[in-house]
Protein backbone atom coordinates (compact mmCIF):
# COMPACT_ATOMS: atom_id res chain seq x y z
CA MET A 1 0.00 0.00 0.00
CA SER A 2 1.18 3.50 -0.68
CA ALA A 3 -0.10 6.55 1.09
CA VAL A 4 -0.55 9.78 -0.80
CA LEU A 5 -0.32 13.03 1.09
CA ASP A 6 -2.82 15.44 -0.40
CA LEU A 7 -1.74 19.00 0.35
CA THR A 8 -3.35 22.07 -1.04
CA ARG A 9 -1.09 24.55 -2.74
CA PRO A 10 0.88 26.80 -0.41
CA LYS A 11 -0.82 30.05 0.56
CA PHE A 12 2.41 32.09 0.26
CA TYR A 13 5.24 32.05 -2.30
CA LYS A 14 9.00 32.66 -2.55
CA GLY A 15 9.96 36.30 -2.39
CA GLN A 16 6.64 37.38 -0.88
CA LYS A 17 6.75 39.99 1.90
CA ILE A 18 4.90 38.76 4.97
CA GLU A 19 4.17 39.63 8.60
CA PHE A 20 4.27 37.44 11.70
CA ILE A 21 4.22 37.93 15.45
CA GLY A 22 7.59 39.51 16.06
CA GLY A 23 8.12 41.30 12.77
CA PHE A 24 8.20 41.32 9.02
CA GLY A 25 10.12 39.24 6.51
CA THR A 26 10.43 37.63 3.10
CA ILE A 27 9.74 33.99 2.27
CA ILE A 28 12.94 32.27 1.18
CA GLN A 29 11.66 28.71 0.80
CA TYR A 30 8.67 26.52 1.69
CA CYS A 31 8.00 22.78 1.95
CA PRO A 32 5.31 20.36 3.16
CA ASN A 33 5.76 19.32 6.78
CA SER A 34 3.42 16.76 8.44
CA GLY A 35 0.37 17.85 6.47
CA TYR A 36 1.11 21.57 6.73
CA TRP A 37 3.32 24.02 4.86
CA SER A 38 6.46 25.30 6.60
CA TYR A 39 8.17 28.47 5.47
CA LEU A 40 11.74 29.65 5.92
CA ILE A 41 11.50 33.39 6.49
CA GLU A 42 14.29 35.95 6.32
CA ARG A 43 13.45 38.60 8.88
CA GLU A 44 13.82 42.25 7.97
CA MET A 45 17.02 43.68 9.34
CA GLY A 46 16.66 46.47 11.84
CA SER A 47 19.39 48.92 12.63
CA GLU A 48 22.86 47.41 13.15
CA PRO A 49 23.29 46.25 16.77
CA GLU A 50 26.34 47.20 18.81
CA ILE A 51 27.58 43.62 18.42
CA ALA A 52 27.92 42.45 14.80
CA ARG A 53 25.36 40.03 13.36
CA ILE A 54 26.38 36.42 12.87
CA GLY A 55 25.10 34.04 10.16
CA TYR A 56 21.45 33.00 10.05
CA GLU A 57 20.22 34.86 13.09
CA THR A 58 17.75 36.64 10.83
CA ALA A 59 16.07 33.44 9.52
CA ILE A 60 13.08 31.77 11.16
CA LEU A 61 10.97 28.69 10.34
CA LEU A 62 7.21 29.20 10.61
CA PHE A 63 4.03 27.31 9.77
CA GLU A 64 1.47 28.83 7.39
CA THR A 65 -0.88 29.56 10.31
CA ASP A 66 1.76 31.86 11.86
CA ILE A 67 1.99 34.12 8.79
CA ILE A 68 -0.21 36.96 7.54
CA LEU A 69 0.03 39.43 4.69
CA PRO A 70 1.04 42.97 5.67
CA GLN A 71 -1.80 45.51 5.82
CA ASN A 72 -0.38 47.50 2.89
CA ASP A 73 -0.07 44.44 0.59
CA PRO A 74 -2.37 44.86 -2.45
CA VAL A 75 -3.01 41.08 -2.53
CA ALA A 76 -4.41 41.25 1.02
CA ALA A 77 -6.94 43.93 0.08
């Protein structure tokens, strides 16, 4: 027997500007994850901290339910 995972298409796409609790960002990549879509988000950079940034500290992995479109996005209107 083979099981087929039937996922709908992702709600968001690569390069799309999004909002989540904690800030704003851009979708870098997405993939199915246990029946849901997961998204790798690059957070918007704020002003440079006193200590230099290191590596991927600006990337975060979120589920589709944790993401919304920004208020000023024409697709959200």
